[in-house]
Amino acid sequence: MIYQSKAYSSSAAPRRVTDAILEEALLRLTGRDPDSAALIRLRFFDNQGTDEVARRLAFAESTIFAKQNVAIRSLASVVHEMEQSAWK
């Protein structure tokens, strides 16, 4: 529903619509969990390796994958909430 409503209200390419949804979700996640949002941005938007992400966020490199898993689940939860709101 989120995708359809954004695509309907915009003439943007499908990739741009998806990017806009993810960016909105990431902004919402920043308010809840700034570290998770920063990790996702660095890993997936900026294509940084685990060593660079660990250094920039002051995490042990050995914990990055576990923290990344939590961050992805948190972002998915935000997208789910956005979808639920779109249906109301």
C-alpha atoms as a PDB file:
ATOM      1  CA  MET A   1       0.000   0.000   0.000  1.00  0.00           C
ATOM      2  CA  ILE A   2       2.822   2.439   0.787  1.00  0.00           C
ATOM      3  CA  TYR A   3       4.444   1.802  -2.561  1.00  0.00           C
ATOM      4  CA  GLN A   4       1.192   2.137  -4.504  1.00  0.00           C
ATOM      5  CA  SER A   5       0.237   5.409  -2.827  1.00  0.00           C
ATOM      6  CA  LYS A   6       3.689   6.938  -3.357  1.00  0.00           C
ATOM      7  CA  ALA A   7       3.915   5.665  -6.940  1.00  0.00           C
ATOM      8  CA  TYR A   8       0.424   6.997  -7.690  1.00  0.00           C
ATOM      9  CA  SER A   9       1.245  10.457  -6.342  1.00  0.00           C
ATOM     10  CA  SER A  10       4.574  10.648  -8.161  1.00  0.00           C
ATOM     11  CA  SER A  11       5.859  10.141 -11.670  1.00  0.00           C
ATOM     12  CA  ALA A  12       9.194   8.901 -10.317  1.00  0.00           C
ATOM     13  CA  ALA A  13      10.781   5.656 -11.450  1.00  0.00           C
ATOM     14  CA  PRO A  14      10.007   2.585  -9.305  1.00  0.00           C
ATOM     15  CA  ARG A  15      13.521   2.580  -7.813  1.00  0.00           C
ATOM     16  CA  ARG A  16      13.126   6.187  -6.682  1.00  0.00           C
ATOM     17  CA  VAL A  17       9.786   5.412  -5.067  1.00  0.00           C
ATOM     18  CA  THR A  18      11.349   2.516  -3.164  1.00  0.00           C
ATOM     19  CA  ASP A  19      14.308   4.680  -2.163  1.00  0.00           C
ATOM     20  CA  ALA A  20      11.939   7.365  -0.850  1.00  0.00           C
ATOM     21  CA  ILE A  21      10.083   4.809   1.275  1.00  0.00           C
ATOM     22  CA  LEU A  22      13.333   3.462   2.703  1.00  0.00           C
ATOM     23  CA  GLU A  23      14.619   6.971   3.377  1.00  0.00           C
ATOM     24  CA  GLU A  24      11.432   7.862   5.262  1.00  0.00           C
ATOM     25  CA  ALA A  25      11.659   4.642   7.282  1.00  0.00           C
ATOM     26  CA  LEU A  26      15.310   5.313   8.033  1.00  0.00           C
ATOM     27  CA  LEU A  27      14.482   8.815   9.281  1.00  0.00           C
ATOM     28  CA  ARG A  28      11.847   7.353  11.589  1.00  0.00           C
ATOM     29  CA  LEU A  29      14.322   4.739  12.805  1.00  0.00           C
ATOM     30  CA  THR A  30      16.839   7.505  13.543  1.00  0.00           C
ATOM     31  CA  GLY A  31      14.434   8.894  16.122  1.00  0.00           C
ATOM     32  CA  ARG A  32      14.129   5.506  17.827  1.00  0.00           C
ATOM     33  CA  ASP A  33      17.570   3.997  17.416  1.00  0.00           C
ATOM     34  CA  PRO A  34      20.211   6.316  15.949  1.00  0.00           C
ATOM     35  CA  ASP A  35      22.950   3.663  16.028  1.00  0.00           C
ATOM     36  CA  SER A  36      20.894   1.202  13.983  1.00  0.00           C
ATOM     37  CA  ALA A  37      19.979   3.903  11.497  1.00  0.00           C
ATOM     38  CA  ALA A  38      23.612   4.965  11.150  1.00  0.00           C
ATOM     39  CA  LEU A  39      24.716   1.362  10.684  1.00  0.00           C
ATOM     40  CA  ILE A  40      22.178   0.779   7.913  1.00  0.00           C
ATOM     41  CA  ARG A  41      23.079   4.028   6.203  1.00  0.00           C
ATOM     42  CA  LEU A  42      26.801   3.253   6.282  1.00  0.00           C
ATOM     43  CA  ARG A  43      26.486  -0.412   5.240  1.00  0.00           C
ATOM     44  CA  PHE A  44      23.800  -0.175   2.576  1.00  0.00           C
ATOM     45  CA  PHE A  45      23.515   3.427   1.413  1.00  0.00           C
ATOM     46  CA  ASP A  46      27.237   4.257   1.579  1.00  0.00           C
ATOM     47  CA  ASN A  47      28.481   0.683   0.872  1.00  0.00           C
ATOM     48  CA  GLN A  48      30.996   0.726   3.721  1.00  0.00           C
ATOM     49  CA  GLY A  49      32.657  -2.480   4.881  1.00  0.00           C
ATOM     50  CA  THR A  50      32.239  -3.875   8.358  1.00  0.00           C
ATOM     51  CA  ASP A  51      35.664  -2.642   9.417  1.00  0.00           C
ATOM     52  CA  GLU A  52      34.858   0.942   8.429  1.00  0.00           C
ATOM     53  CA  VAL A  53      31.405   0.826  10.033  1.00  0.00           C
ATOM     54  CA  ALA A  54      32.894  -0.544  13.256  1.00  0.00           C
ATOM     55  CA  ARG A  55      35.519   2.181  13.296  1.00  0.00           C
ATOM     56  CA  ARG A  56      33.066   5.006  12.580  1.00  0.00           C
ATOM     57  CA  LEU A  57      30.479   3.838  15.108  1.00  0.00           C
ATOM     58  CA  ALA A  58      33.027   2.766  17.716  1.00  0.00           C
ATOM     59  CA  PHE A  59      31.781  -0.831  17.784  1.00  0.00           C
ATOM     60  CA  ALA A  60      33.872  -3.970  17.901  1.00  0.00           C
ATOM     61  CA  GLU A  61      34.074  -5.344  14.373  1.00  0.00           C
ATOM     62  CA  SER A  62      33.024  -8.758  15.682  1.00  0.00           C
ATOM     63  CA  THR A  63      29.651  -7.334  16.731  1.00  0.00           C
ATOM     64  CA  ILE A  64      28.743  -5.590  13.465  1.00  0.00           C
ATOM     65  CA  PHE A  65      26.832  -8.503  11.921  1.00  0.00           C
ATOM     66  CA  ALA A  66      24.739  -9.014  15.051  1.00  0.00           C
ATOM     67  CA  LYS A  67      24.035  -5.281  15.286  1.00  0.00           C
ATOM     68  CA  GLN A  68      23.273  -5.222  11.558  1.00  0.00           C
ATOM     69  CA  ASN A  69      20.711  -7.993  12.020  1.00  0.00           C
ATOM     70  CA  VAL A  70      19.001  -6.029  14.795  1.00  0.00           C
ATOM     71  CA  ALA A  71      19.084  -2.856  12.676  1.00  0.00           C
ATOM     72  CA  ILE A  72      17.498  -4.578   9.680  1.00  0.00           C
ATOM     73  CA  ARG A  73      14.761  -6.033  11.871  1.00  0.00           C
ATOM     74  CA  SER A  74      14.127  -2.602  13.372  1.00  0.00           C
ATOM     75  CA  LEU A  75      13.906  -1.002   9.946  1.00  0.00           C
ATOM     76  CA  ALA A  76      11.521  -3.739   8.792  1.00  0.00           C
ATOM     77  CA  SER A  77       9.363  -3.028  11.833  1.00  0.00           C
ATOM     78  CA  VAL A  78       9.223   0.656  10.930  1.00  0.00           C
ATOM     79  CA  VAL A  79       8.226  -0.178   7.334  1.00  0.00           C
ATOM     80  CA  HIS A  80       5.559  -2.538   8.675  1.00  0.00           C
ATOM     81  CA  GLU A  81       4.167   0.240  10.876  1.00  0.00           C
ATOM     82  CA  MET A  82       4.149   2.591   7.892  1.00  0.00           C
ATOM     83  CA  GLU A  83       2.245  -0.020   5.890  1.00  0.00           C
ATOM     84  CA  GLN A  84      -0.272  -0.523   8.695  1.00  0.00           C
ATOM     85  CA  SER A  85      -0.840   3.246   8.894  1.00  0.00           C
ATOM     86  CA  ALA A  86      -1.351   3.451   5.151  1.00  0.00           C
ATOM     87  CA  TRP A  87      -4.230   0.988   5.382  1.00  0.00           C
ATOM     88  CA  LYS A  88      -6.104   3.095   7.949  1.00  0.00           C
END
